[in-house]
Amino acid sequence: MDAVRGLIHRGGRPLNTGAALQYVMDNVFTNSTVSRLDTAKKDVVFLLDGSDGTRNGFSAMRDFVERVVEKLSVGENKDRVSVVQYSREAEVHFSLNTHRTREDVMDAVRGLRHRGGRPLNTGAALQYVMDNVFTNSTGADASGGRSFDNVDTPASALKQRGIFVFAIGSRTSDSRELQRLSFEPSYALSVSDFSGLDTVQEQISSLMSTAVVRSRPLTTTETVGRQTPARDVVFLLDATDATRSDFPAVQDFVQRVVETLLVDEKKDRVSVVQYSRDPAVQFYLNTYMTKDEILNAVRNLRHKGGRSLNTGAALQYLRENVFTASSGSRRLEGVPQVLILLSSGRSADSVDAPASALKQMGILTFAVGSRGSDSRELQRISHKPTSAFTVAEFTDLSSVPQQLLASLEALPIDVTPETPTDSEILYQNLLQMTGHLCVCHWIKDLGQQRAAKAIV
């Protein structure tokens, strides 16, 4: 606490965010500065825009850092904090192993002095952070403007290292750049000016707690671990006329996700559904049992087309016809049920009731939207707000799979089997009947007639 209070503004020009990030990576998140990989605690690095444009807002930045630090459990074997300020170049104010108590950190932050400088090299700062500070930790980046240098390469390298970057920008920041900087788009936050940082402090603290859980080693009690990787994954694809030209990018996205799965009857299963006004199942969870078959089916998908985007009706359809035992769902066996929605616009019908019903069934929904989507609607559909992703265009979907896969790896395996419906009980009984008998029976799955033939 004392160290934070004692921070003195550095001053200087220009603002090199890229160099500062690189410096933090090279010099702060390292073993020599006692960054701790593979622990459940947090190593938190604040990368602060110290360029000339933030001089008036710097006191608000310090207050923000103090409020976040107050939420941490600072200690040698607990949370550790580092602060780096940058403009053209990065400067470490204190490393992760400098202060061992919250009071010392707070004092150091209060004593920070604005650095100053031009330009703002965020890319170089990211690279610096990766090379000198980061291993597998959590960083918060407060930036007042667009970076003068390129941020894509160092930001990508940080993500590959498993570093959870949260980017906070003011009104002059480039929102797309902030999203590219962040570990996932929902980790990019904006305020009108730095005096409004108090409005996002609680959100940052909550997101940091989520990141810690996601970064912990996989165990059979916490995650879909390597011993029990079974998942039922359903893709719900926007097939309206507006997505026709982007459909190859959508197919490519699905293929990239499927490539990472362990497809097998006893492991991961996949289904694909297209929708516009009405949904159309391309294949069910029990249609294909090998990865090659699924990839081939995805390559051969034909765009459905249609004008109206009825996402609510499509979600309801999935609940009644796809996440069922007769369609290959193993929900009743406790296998995690995953829905990945790709939507290009706002739904013409209400999504709230069907989205809520899916959550009650334990369906874990991830929503990916493009520029025309309603971000709040995507968050309501998703099983939690941080499971909603946004890209400018579907042609930019290549940036999403890594973030999505990280979320899939963190799925809980202790899923409580839901109480089966009457039709599901009937279906299971048919499969369990003994004797030499061919049974043909019409099963009504929540209003949908489907013929199910069981040979027992």
Foldseek 3Di string as FASTA:
>chain_A
DLLLLQFAFAAEAAAALLQQLLQLLAAAADVVLPNDAQDLAAEEEEEEELAPVCQVLLVLVLVLVLLLLVPFQFAPPHYFYWYWYGGSHIDTSGHRNRDGHSSSSNSSNSSRHRNHGRHRNSSSSSSSSSSRRRQAHEYEYEDEAEHPDDNQVSLVVCLVSNYAYAYEYEPRYDLVSRCSNGNASVSYYYDPGSNPSVVCSVVNSVVRNVSSLLSHDDDQQFWCDPVAQAEEEEEEEEQAPVCQVVLVLVLVLVLVLLVPFDFALRHYFYWYWYDFPHIDTLAARPRDRDSVVVNVSSVPDDRDYDHAHAVQNVLQCCVQPHCAVLRSHPLQVQHAYEYEYEEAAEHPDDNQPSLVVCVVSRYAYAYEYEPHYDLVSRCSSGNHSVSYHYYPDSNPCVSPSSSNVSVNRRHGSRGHRDDDDPLRVVVVVLQVDDDQDKDWDWGQRPNDTDIDTHGD
